[in-house]
mmCIF file of all heavy atoms, coordinates in Angstrom:
data_MODEL
# 
_entry.id   MODEL 
# 
loop_
_atom_site.group_PDB 
_atom_site.id 
_atom_site.type_symbol 
_atom_site.label_atom_id 
_atom_site.label_alt_id 
_atom_site.label_comp_id 
_atom_site.label_asym_id 
_atom_site.label_entity_id 
_atom_site.label_seq_id 
_atom_site.pdbx_PDB_ins_code 
_atom_site.Cartn_x 
_atom_site.Cartn_y 
_atom_site.Cartn_z 
_atom_site.occupancy 
_atom_site.B_iso_or_equiv 
_atom_site.pdbx_formal_charge 
_atom_site.auth_seq_id 
_atom_site.auth_comp_id 
_atom_site.auth_asym_id 
_atom_site.auth_atom_id 
_atom_site.pdbx_PDB_model_num 
ATOM 1   N N   . GLU A 1 1  ? -131.736 68.563 114.473 1.00 0.00 ? 1  GLU A N   1 
ATOM 2   C CA  . GLU A 1 1  ? -131.410 69.860 115.043 1.00 0.00 ? 1  GLU A CA  1 
ATOM 3   C C   . GLU A 1 1  ? -132.325 70.955 114.498 1.00 0.00 ? 1  GLU A C   1 
ATOM 4   O O   . GLU A 1 1  ? -132.923 70.804 113.429 1.00 0.00 ? 1  GLU A O   1 
ATOM 5   C CB  . GLU A 1 1  ? -129.954 70.221 114.769 1.00 0.00 ? 1  GLU A CB  1 
ATOM 6   C CG  . GLU A 1 1  ? -129.626 70.517 113.325 1.00 0.00 ? 1  GLU A CG  1 
ATOM 7   C CD  . GLU A 1 1  ? -128.231 71.079 113.177 1.00 0.00 ? 1  GLU A CD  1 
ATOM 8   O OE1 . GLU A 1 1  ? -127.852 71.944 113.984 1.00 0.00 ? 1  GLU A OE1 1 
ATOM 9   O OE2 . GLU A 1 1  ? -127.523 70.640 112.254 1.00 0.00 ? 1  GLU A OE2 1 
ATOM 10  N N   . PRO A 1 2  ? -132.434 72.038 115.215 1.00 0.00 ? 2  PRO A N   1 
ATOM 11  C CA  . PRO A 1 2  ? -133.273 73.139 114.744 1.00 0.00 ? 2  PRO A CA  1 
ATOM 12  C C   . PRO A 1 2  ? -132.622 73.887 113.596 1.00 0.00 ? 2  PRO A C   1 
ATOM 13  O O   . PRO A 1 2  ? -131.407 73.814 113.390 1.00 0.00 ? 2  PRO A O   1 
ATOM 14  C CB  . PRO A 1 2  ? -133.399 74.029 115.987 1.00 0.00 ? 2  PRO A CB  1 
ATOM 15  C CG  . PRO A 1 2  ? -132.150 73.754 116.760 1.00 0.00 ? 2  PRO A CG  1 
ATOM 16  C CD  . PRO A 1 2  ? -131.849 72.302 116.541 1.00 0.00 ? 2  PRO A CD  1 
ATOM 17  N N   . SER A 1 3  ? -133.414 74.611 112.859 1.00 0.00 ? 3  SER A N   1 
ATOM 18  C CA  . SER A 1 3  ? -132.902 75.431 111.762 1.00 0.00 ? 3  SER A CA  1 
ATOM 19  C C   . SER A 1 3  ? -132.644 76.864 112.208 1.00 0.00 ? 3  SER A C   1 
ATOM 20  O O   . SER A 1 3  ? -131.994 77.635 111.493 1.00 0.00 ? 3  SER A O   1 
ATOM 21  C CB  . SER A 1 3  ? -133.899 75.431 110.602 1.00 0.00 ? 3  SER A CB  1 
ATOM 22  O OG  . SER A 1 3  ? -135.190 75.840 111.033 1.00 0.00 ? 3  SER A OG  1 
ATOM 23  N N   . SER A 1 4  ? -133.131 77.222 113.386 1.00 0.00 ? 4  SER A N   1 
ATOM 24  C CA  . SER A 1 4  ? -132.939 78.584 113.892 1.00 0.00 ? 4  SER A CA  1 
ATOM 25  C C   . SER A 1 4  ? -133.223 78.601 115.385 1.00 0.00 ? 4  SER A C   1 
ATOM 26  O O   . SER A 1 4  ? -133.980 77.771 115.889 1.00 0.00 ? 4  SER A O   1 
ATOM 27  C CB  . SER A 1 4  ? -133.882 79.561 113.186 1.00 0.00 ? 4  SER A CB  1 
ATOM 28  O OG  . SER A 1 4  ? -133.836 80.853 113.771 1.00 0.00 ? 4  SER A OG  1 
ATOM 29  N N   . MET A 1 5  ? -132.620 79.560 116.095 1.00 0.00 ? 5  MET A N   1 
ATOM 30  C CA  . MET A 1 5  ? -132.948 79.782 117.494 1.00 0.00 ? 5  MET A CA  1 
ATOM 31  C C   . MET A 1 5  ? -134.094 80.777 117.661 1.00 0.00 ? 5  MET A C   1 
ATOM 32  O O   . MET A 1 5  ? -134.528 81.059 118.779 1.00 0.00 ? 5  MET A O   1 
ATOM 33  C CB  . MET A 1 5  ? -131.719 80.296 118.252 1.00 0.00 ? 5  MET A CB  1 
ATOM 34  C CG  . MET A 1 5  ? -130.683 79.231 118.550 1.00 0.00 ? 5  MET A CG  1 
ATOM 35  S SD  . MET A 1 5  ? -131.313 77.954 119.670 1.00 0.00 ? 5  MET A SD  1 
ATOM 36  C CE  . MET A 1 5  ? -131.345 76.552 118.565 1.00 0.00 ? 5  MET A CE  1 
ATOM 37  N N   . ASP A 1 6  ? -134.578 81.306 116.560 1.00 0.00 ? 6  ASP A N   1 
ATOM 38  C CA  . ASP A 1 6  ? -135.774 82.147 116.593 1.00 0.00 ? 6  ASP A CA  1 
ATOM 39  C C   . ASP A 1 6  ? -136.960 81.212 116.806 1.00 0.00 ? 6  ASP A C   1 
ATOM 40  O O   . ASP A 1 6  ? -137.284 80.402 115.933 1.00 0.00 ? 6  ASP A O   1 
ATOM 41  C CB  . ASP A 1 6  ? -135.914 82.895 115.277 1.00 0.00 ? 6  ASP A CB  1 
ATOM 42  C CG  . ASP A 1 6  ? -137.139 83.796 115.218 1.00 0.00 ? 6  ASP A CG  1 
ATOM 43  O OD1 . ASP A 1 6  ? -138.024 83.679 116.090 1.00 0.00 ? 6  ASP A OD1 1 
ATOM 44  O OD2 . ASP A 1 6  ? -137.222 84.616 114.280 1.00 0.00 ? 6  ASP A OD2 1 
ATOM 45  N N   . PRO A 1 7  ? -137.627 81.283 117.941 1.00 0.00 ? 7  PRO A N   1 
ATOM 46  C CA  . PRO A 1 7  ? -138.688 80.312 118.238 1.00 0.00 ? 7  PRO A CA  1 
ATOM 47  C C   . PRO A 1 7  ? -139.911 80.451 117.350 1.00 0.00 ? 7  PRO A C   1 
ATOM 48  O O   . PRO A 1 7  ? -140.752 79.551 117.321 1.00 0.00 ? 7  PRO A O   1 
ATOM 49  C CB  . PRO A 1 7  ? -139.028 80.617 119.699 1.00 0.00 ? 7  PRO A CB  1 
ATOM 50  C CG  . PRO A 1 7  ? -138.729 82.071 119.843 1.00 0.00 ? 7  PRO A CG  1 
ATOM 51  C CD  . PRO A 1 7  ? -137.496 82.298 119.006 1.00 0.00 ? 7  PRO A CD  1 
ATOM 52  N N   . LEU A 1 8  ? -140.037 81.571 116.639 1.00 0.00 ? 8  LEU A N   1 
ATOM 53  C CA  . LEU A 1 8  ? -141.182 81.776 115.772 1.00 0.00 ? 8  LEU A CA  1 
ATOM 54  C C   . LEU A 1 8  ? -140.819 81.598 114.300 1.00 0.00 ? 8  LEU A C   1 
ATOM 55  O O   . LEU A 1 8  ? -141.615 81.947 113.425 1.00 0.00 ? 8  LEU A O   1 
ATOM 56  C CB  . LEU A 1 8  ? -141.793 83.163 116.011 1.00 0.00 ? 8  LEU A CB  1 
ATOM 57  C CG  . LEU A 1 8  ? -142.337 83.392 117.428 1.00 0.00 ? 8  LEU A CG  1 
ATOM 58  C CD1 . LEU A 1 8  ? -142.940 84.786 117.561 1.00 0.00 ? 8  LEU A CD1 1 
ATOM 59  C CD2 . LEU A 1 8  ? -143.369 82.331 117.798 1.00 0.00 ? 8  LEU A CD2 1 
ATOM 60  N N   . PHE A 1 9  ? -139.619 81.043 114.018 1.00 0.00 ? 9  PHE A N   1 
ATOM 61  C CA  . PHE A 1 9  ? -139.209 80.836 112.631 1.00 0.00 ? 9  PHE A CA  1 
ATOM 62  C C   . PHE A 1 9  ? -139.923 79.650 112.006 1.00 0.00 ? 9  PHE A C   1 
ATOM 63  O O   . PHE A 1 9  ? -140.338 79.698 110.853 1.00 0.00 ? 9  PHE A O   1 
ATOM 64  C CB  . PHE A 1 9  ? -137.697 80.623 112.551 1.00 0.00 ? 9  PHE A CB  1 
ATOM 65  C CG  . PHE A 1 9  ? -137.210 80.289 111.166 1.00 0.00 ? 9  PHE A CG  1 
ATOM 66  C CD1 . PHE A 1 9  ? -137.239 81.245 110.165 1.00 0.00 ? 9  PHE A CD1 1 
ATOM 67  C CD2 . PHE A 1 9  ? -136.752 79.017 110.856 1.00 0.00 ? 9  PHE A CD2 1 
ATOM 68  C CE1 . PHE A 1 9  ? -136.814 80.943 108.867 1.00 0.00 ? 9  PHE A CE1 1 
ATOM 69  C CE2 . PHE A 1 9  ? -136.327 78.695 109.578 1.00 0.00 ? 9  PHE A CE2 1 
ATOM 70  C CZ  . PHE A 1 9  ? -136.348 79.667 108.572 1.00 0.00 ? 9  PHE A CZ  1 
ATOM 71  N N   . SER A 1 10 ? -140.075 78.573 112.758 1.00 0.00 ? 10 SER A N   1 
ATOM 72  C CA  . SER A 1 10 ? -140.661 77.365 112.186 1.00 0.00 ? 10 SER A CA  1 
ATOM 73  C C   . SER A 1 10 ? -141.378 76.554 113.249 1.00 0.00 ? 10 SER A C   1 
ATOM 74  O O   . SER A 1 10 ? -140.856 76.359 114.342 1.00 0.00 ? 10 SER A O   1 
ATOM 75  C CB  . SER A 1 10 ? -139.565 76.502 111.540 1.00 0.00 ? 10 SER A CB  1 
ATOM 76  O OG  . SER A 1 10 ? -140.098 75.278 111.071 1.00 0.00 ? 10 SER A OG  1 
ATOM 77  N N   . ARG A 1 11 ? -142.549 76.057 112.899 1.00 0.00 ? 11 ARG A N   1 
ATOM 78  C CA  . ARG A 1 11 ? -143.345 75.250 113.825 1.00 0.00 ? 11 ARG A CA  1 
ATOM 79  C C   . ARG A 1 11 ? -142.963 73.779 113.797 1.00 0.00 ? 11 ARG A C   1 
ATOM 80  O O   . ARG A 1 11 ? -143.628 72.967 114.429 1.00 0.00 ? 11 ARG A O   1 
ATOM 81  C CB  . ARG A 1 11 ? -144.829 75.383 113.478 1.00 0.00 ? 11 ARG A CB  1 
ATOM 82  C CG  . ARG A 1 11 ? -145.541 76.500 114.229 1.00 0.00 ? 11 ARG A CG  1 
ATOM 83  C CD  . ARG A 1 11 ? -147.025 76.409 114.025 1.00 0.00 ? 11 ARG A CD  1 
ATOM 84  N NE  . ARG A 1 11 ? -147.566 75.130 114.477 1.00 0.00 ? 11 ARG A NE  1 
ATOM 85  C CZ  . ARG A 1 11 ? -148.809 74.739 114.261 1.00 0.00 ? 11 ARG A CZ  1 
ATOM 86  N NH1 . ARG A 1 11 ? -149.633 75.507 113.577 1.00 0.00 ? 11 ARG A NH1 1 
ATOM 87  N NH2 . ARG A 1 11 ? -149.220 73.567 114.712 1.00 0.00 ? 11 ARG A NH2 1 
ATOM 88  N N   . THR A 1 12 ? -141.901 73.415 113.075 1.00 0.00 ? 12 THR A N   1 
ATOM 89  C CA  . THR A 1 12 ? -141.486 72.025 113.021 1.00 0.00 ? 12 THR A CA  1 
ATOM 90  C C   . THR A 1 12 ? -141.044 71.553 114.398 1.00 0.00 ? 12 THR A C   1 
ATOM 91  O O   . THR A 1 12 ? -140.550 72.322 115.216 1.00 0.00 ? 12 THR A O   1 
ATOM 92  C CB  . THR A 1 12 ? -140.348 71.837 112.013 1.00 0.00 ? 12 THR A CB  1 
ATOM 93  O OG1 . THR A 1 12 ? -139.338 72.820 112.262 1.00 0.00 ? 12 THR A OG1 1 
ATOM 94  C CG2 . THR A 1 12 ? -140.859 72.001 110.589 1.00 0.00 ? 12 THR A CG2 1 
ATOM 95  N N   . GLY A 1 13 ? -141.206 70.249 114.646 1.00 0.00 ? 13 GLY A N   1 
ATOM 96  C CA  . GLY A 1 13 ? -140.935 69.699 115.969 1.00 0.00 ? 13 GLY A CA  1 
ATOM 97  C C   . GLY A 1 13 ? -139.507 69.888 116.421 1.00 0.00 ? 13 GLY A C   1 
ATOM 98  O O   . GLY A 1 13 ? -139.251 70.140 117.603 1.00 0.00 ? 13 GLY A O   1 
ATOM 99  N N   . ASN A 1 14 ? -138.537 69.776 115.504 1.00 0.00 ? 14 ASN A N   1 
ATOM 100 C CA  . ASN A 1 14 ? -137.135 69.945 115.890 1.00 0.00 ? 14 ASN A CA  1 
ATOM 101 C C   . ASN A 1 14 ? -136.868 71.365 116.382 1.00 0.00 ? 14 ASN A C   1 
ATOM 102 O O   . ASN A 1 14 ? -136.088 71.570 117.321 1.00 0.00 ? 14 ASN A O   1 
ATOM 103 C CB  . ASN A 1 14 ? -136.200 69.579 114.730 1.00 0.00 ? 14 ASN A CB  1 
ATOM 104 C CG  . ASN A 1 14 ? -136.589 70.255 113.422 1.00 0.00 ? 14 ASN A CG  1 
ATOM 105 O OD1 . ASN A 1 14 ? -137.773 70.424 113.125 1.00 0.00 ? 14 ASN A OD1 1 
ATOM 106 N ND2 . ASN A 1 14 ? -135.617 70.627 112.626 1.00 0.00 ? 14 ASN A ND2 1 
ATOM 107 N N   . ASN A 1 15 ? -137.510 72.347 115.780 1.00 0.00 ? 15 ASN A N   1 
ATOM 108 C CA  . ASN A 1 15 ? -137.360 73.718 116.255 1.00 0.00 ? 15 ASN A CA  1 
ATOM 109 C C   . ASN A 1 15 ? -138.065 73.929 117.587 1.00 0.00 ? 15 ASN A C   1 
ATOM 110 O O   . ASN A 1 15 ? -137.533 74.590 118.486 1.00 0.00 ? 15 ASN A O   1 
ATOM 111 C CB  . ASN A 1 15 ? -137.902 74.701 115.220 1.00 0.00 ? 15 ASN A CB  1 
ATOM 112 C CG  . ASN A 1 15 ? -136.914 74.970 114.100 1.00 0.00 ? 15 ASN A CG  1 
ATOM 113 O OD1 . ASN A 1 15 ? -136.371 74.045 113.499 1.00 0.00 ? 15 ASN A OD1 1 
ATOM 114 N ND2 . ASN A 1 15 ? -136.672 76.224 113.816 1.00 0.00 ? 15 ASN A ND2 1 
ATOM 115 N N   . GLN A 1 16 ? -139.244 73.360 117.716 1.00 0.00 ? 16 GLN A N   1 
ATOM 116 C CA  . GLN A 1 16 ? -140.012 73.604 118.933 1.00 0.00 ? 16 GLN A CA  1 
ATOM 117 C C   . GLN A 1 16 ? -139.372 72.966 120.163 1.00 0.00 ? 16 GLN A C   1 
ATOM 118 O O   . GLN A 1 16 ? -139.415 73.555 121.248 1.00 0.00 ? 16 GLN A O   1 
ATOM 119 C CB  . GLN A 1 16 ? -141.442 73.105 118.754 1.00 0.00 ? 16 GLN A CB  1 
ATOM 120 C CG  . GLN A 1 16 ? -142.245 73.935 117.770 1.00 0.00 ? 16 GLN A CG  1 
ATOM 121 C CD  . GLN A 1 16 ? -143.735 73.735 117.928 1.00 0.00 ? 16 GLN A CD  1 
ATOM 122 O OE1 . GLN A 1 16 ? -144.311 74.057 118.960 1.00 0.00 ? 16 GLN A OE1 1 
ATOM 123 N NE2 . GLN A 1 16 ? -144.358 73.190 116.904 1.00 0.00 ? 16 GLN A NE2 1 
ATOM 124 N N   . GLN A 1 17 ? -138.779 71.768 120.013 1.00 0.00 ? 17 GLN A N   1 
ATOM 125 C CA  . GLN A 1 17 ? -138.223 71.141 121.202 1.00 0.00 ? 17 GLN A CA  1 
ATOM 126 C C   . GLN A 1 17 ? -136.947 71.837 121.662 1.00 0.00 ? 17 GLN A C   1 
ATOM 127 O O   . GLN A 1 17 ? -136.570 71.722 122.818 1.00 0.00 ? 17 GLN A O   1 
ATOM 128 C CB  . GLN A 1 17 ? -138.004 69.650 121.002 1.00 0.00 ? 17 GLN A CB  1 
ATOM 129 C CG  . GLN A 1 17 ? -136.885 69.238 120.096 1.00 0.00 ? 17 GLN A CG  1 
ATOM 130 C CD  . GLN A 1 17 ? -136.759 67.709 120.063 1.00 0.00 ? 17 GLN A CD  1 
ATOM 131 O OE1 . GLN A 1 17 ? -137.617 66.970 120.534 1.00 0.00 ? 17 GLN A OE1 1 
ATOM 132 N NE2 . GLN A 1 17 ? -135.668 67.234 119.507 1.00 0.00 ? 17 GLN A NE2 1 
ATOM 133 N N   . ALA A 1 18 ? -136.303 72.593 120.782 1.00 0.00 ? 18 ALA A N   1 
ATOM 134 C CA  . ALA A 1 18 ? -135.198 73.451 121.210 1.00 0.00 ? 18 ALA A CA  1 
ATOM 135 C C   . ALA A 1 18 ? -135.751 74.703 121.880 1.00 0.00 ? 18 ALA A C   1 
ATOM 136 O O   . ALA A 1 18 ? -135.311 75.108 122.957 1.00 0.00 ? 18 ALA A O   1 
ATOM 137 C CB  . ALA A 1 18 ? -134.311 73.828 120.021 1.00 0.00 ? 18 ALA A CB  1 
ATOM 138 N N   . ALA A 1 19 ? -136.770 75.296 121.247 1.00 0.00 ? 19 ALA A N   1 
ATOM 139 C CA  . ALA A 1 19 ? -137.320 76.558 121.740 1.00 0.00 ? 19 ALA A CA  1 
ATOM 140 C C   . ALA A 1 19 ? -137.926 76.435 123.121 1.00 0.00 ? 19 ALA A C   1 
ATOM 141 O O   . ALA A 1 19 ? -137.777 77.340 123.956 1.00 0.00 ? 19 ALA A O   1 
ATOM 142 C CB  . ALA A 1 19 ? -138.369 77.081 120.762 1.00 0.00 ? 19 ALA A CB  1 
ATOM 143 N N   . GLU A 1 20 ? -138.614 75.332 123.405 1.00 0.00 ? 20 GLU A N   1 
ATOM 144 C CA  . GLU A 1 20 ? -139.348 75.272 124.665 1.00 0.00 ? 20 GLU A CA  1 
ATOM 145 C C   . GLU A 1 20 ? -138.458 75.092 125.887 1.00 0.00 ? 20 GLU A C   1 
ATOM 146 O O   . GLU A 1 20 ? -138.969 75.131 127.009 1.00 0.00 ? 20 GLU A O   1 
ATOM 147 C CB  . GLU A 1 20 ? -140.425 74.188 124.610 1.00 0.00 ? 20 GLU A CB  1 
ATOM 148 C CG  . GLU A 1 20 ? -139.920 72.773 124.502 1.00 0.00 ? 20 GLU A CG  1 
ATOM 149 C CD  . GLU A 1 20 ? -141.057 71.779 124.307 1.00 0.00 ? 20 GLU A CD  1 
ATOM 150 O OE1 . GLU A 1 20 ? -142.181 72.222 123.989 1.00 0.00 ? 20 GLU A OE1 1 
ATOM 151 O OE2 . GLU A 1 20 ? -140.819 70.577 124.457 1.00 0.00 ? 20 GLU A OE2 1 
ATOM 152 N N   . ASN A 1 21 ? -137.160 74.927 125.705 1.00 0.00 ? 21 ASN A N   1 
ATOM 153 C CA  . ASN A 1 21 ? -136.241 75.003 126.840 1.00 0.00 ? 21 ASN A CA  1 
ATOM 154 C C   . ASN A 1 21 ? -136.013 76.437 127.271 1.00 0.00 ? 21 ASN A C   1 
ATOM 155 O O   . ASN A 1 21 ? -135.717 76.712 128.437 1.00 0.00 ? 21 ASN A O   1 
ATOM 156 C CB  . ASN A 1 21 ? -134.891 74.372 126.477 1.00 0.00 ? 21 ASN A CB  1 
ATOM 157 C CG  . ASN A 1 21 ? -134.988 72.892 126.223 1.00 0.00 ? 21 ASN A CG  1 
ATOM 158 O OD1 . ASN A 1 21 ? -135.466 72.143 127.061 1.00 0.00 ? 21 ASN A OD1 1 
ATOM 159 N ND2 . ASN A 1 21 ? -134.546 72.456 125.048 1.00 0.00 ? 21 ASN A ND2 1 
ATOM 160 N N   . ILE A 1 22 ? -136.136 77.362 126.325 1.00 0.00 ? 22 ILE A N   1 
ATOM 161 C CA  . ILE A 1 22 ? -135.768 78.760 126.532 1.00 0.00 ? 22 ILE A CA  1 
ATOM 162 C C   . ILE A 1 22 ? -137.003 79.650 126.655 1.00 0.00 ? 22 ILE A C   1 
ATOM 163 O O   . ILE A 1 22 ? -137.025 80.595 127.446 1.00 0.00 ? 22 ILE A O   1 
ATOM 164 C CB  . ILE A 1 22 ? -134.891 79.258 125.362 1.00 0.00 ? 22 ILE A CB  1 
ATOM 165 C CG1 . ILE A 1 22 ? -133.662 78.356 125.214 1.00 0.00 ? 22 ILE A CG1 1 
ATOM 166 C CG2 . ILE A 1 22 ? -134.485 80.716 125.550 1.00 0.00 ? 22 ILE A CG2 1 
ATOM 167 C CD1 . ILE A 1 22 ? -132.889 78.583 123.925 1.00 0.00 ? 22 ILE A CD1 1 
ATOM 168 N N   . TYR A 1 23 ? -138.010 79.344 125.881 1.00 0.00 ? 23 TYR A N   1 
ATOM 169 C CA  . TYR A 1 23 ? -139.211 80.181 125.818 1.00 0.00 ? 23 TYR A CA  1 
ATOM 170 C C   . TYR A 1 23 ? -140.426 79.414 126.332 1.00 0.00 ? 23 TYR A C   1 
ATOM 171 O O   . TYR A 1 23 ? -140.411 78.194 126.444 1.00 0.00 ? 23 TYR A O   1 
ATOM 172 C CB  . TYR A 1 23 ? -139.479 80.609 124.370 1.00 0.00 ? 23 TYR A CB  1 
ATOM 173 C CG  . TYR A 1 23 ? -138.324 81.306 123.714 1.00 0.00 ? 23 TYR A CG  1 
ATOM 174 C CD1 . TYR A 1 23 ? -137.379 80.571 123.001 1.00 0.00 ? 23 TYR A CD1 1 
ATOM 175 C CD2 . TYR A 1 23 ? -138.165 82.679 123.798 1.00 0.00 ? 23 TYR A CD2 1 
ATOM 176 C CE1 . TYR A 1 23 ? -136.299 81.197 122.389 1.00 0.00 ? 23 TYR A CE1 1 
ATOM 177 C CE2 . TYR A 1 23 ? -137.096 83.312 123.199 1.00 0.00 ? 23 TYR A CE2 1 
ATOM 178 C CZ  . TYR A 1 23 ? -136.157 82.558 122.493 1.00 0.00 ? 23 TYR A CZ  1 
ATOM 179 O OH  . TYR A 1 23 ? -135.095 83.189 121.897 1.00 0.00 ? 23 TYR A OH  1 
ATOM 180 N N   . GLU A 1 24 ? -141.476 80.157 126.568 1.00 0.00 ? 24 GLU A N   1 
ATOM 181 C CA  . GLU A 1 24 ? -142.721 79.526 126.996 1.00 0.00 ? 24 GLU A CA  1 
ATOM 182 C C   . GLU A 1 24 ? -143.887 80.087 126.212 1.00 0.00 ? 24 GLU A C   1 
ATOM 183 O O   . GLU A 1 24 ? -143.765 81.083 125.487 1.00 0.00 ? 24 GLU A O   1 
ATOM 184 C CB  . GLU A 1 24 ? -142.935 79.741 128.495 1.00 0.00 ? 24 GLU A CB  1 
ATOM 185 C CG  . GLU A 1 24 ? -141.879 79.048 129.346 1.00 0.00 ? 24 GLU A CG  1 
ATOM 186 C CD  . GLU A 1 24 ? -142.145 79.258 130.817 1.00 0.00 ? 24 GLU A CD  1 
ATOM 187 O OE1 . GLU A 1 24 ? -141.950 80.392 131.304 1.00 0.00 ? 24 GLU A OE1 1 
ATOM 188 O OE2 . GLU A 1 24 ? -142.559 78.277 131.468 1.00 0.00 ? 24 GLU A OE2 1 
ATOM 189 N N   . ARG A 1 25 ? -145.040 79.462 126.406 1.00 0.00 ? 25 ARG A N   1 
ATOM 190 C CA  . ARG A 1 25 ? -146.260 79.869 125.726 1.00 0.00 ? 25 ARG A CA  1 
ATOM 191 C C   . ARG A 1 25 ? -147.329 80.222 126.766 1.00 0.00 ? 25 ARG A C   1 
ATOM 192 O O   . ARG A 1 25 ? -147.146 79.961 127.946 1.00 0.00 ? 25 ARG A O   1 
ATOM 193 C CB  . ARG A 1 25 ? -146.745 78.733 124.830 1.00 0.00 ? 25 ARG A CB  1 
ATOM 194 C CG  . ARG A 1 25 ? -145.700 78.283 123.807 1.00 0.00 ? 25 ARG A CG  1 
ATOM 195 C CD  . ARG A 1 25 ? -146.103 76.998 123.130 1.00 0.00 ? 25 ARG A CD  1 
ATOM 196 N NE  . ARG A 1 25 ? -146.151 75.891 124.078 1.00 0.00 ? 25 ARG A NE  1 
ATOM 197 C CZ  . ARG A 1 25 ? -146.818 74.776 123.871 1.00 0.00 ? 25 ARG A CZ  1 
ATOM 198 N NH1 . ARG A 1 25 ? -147.529 74.622 122.782 1.00 0.00 ? 25 ARG A NH1 1 
ATOM 199 N NH2 . ARG A 1 25 ? -146.813 73.810 124.773 1.00 0.00 ? 25 ARG A NH2 1 
# 
């Protein structure tokens, strides 16, 4: 699971795969 819903908090894969459902690059 991610450690935060802030997409710029951590570049770890678990955070990014949560973030990319909501945010884009």
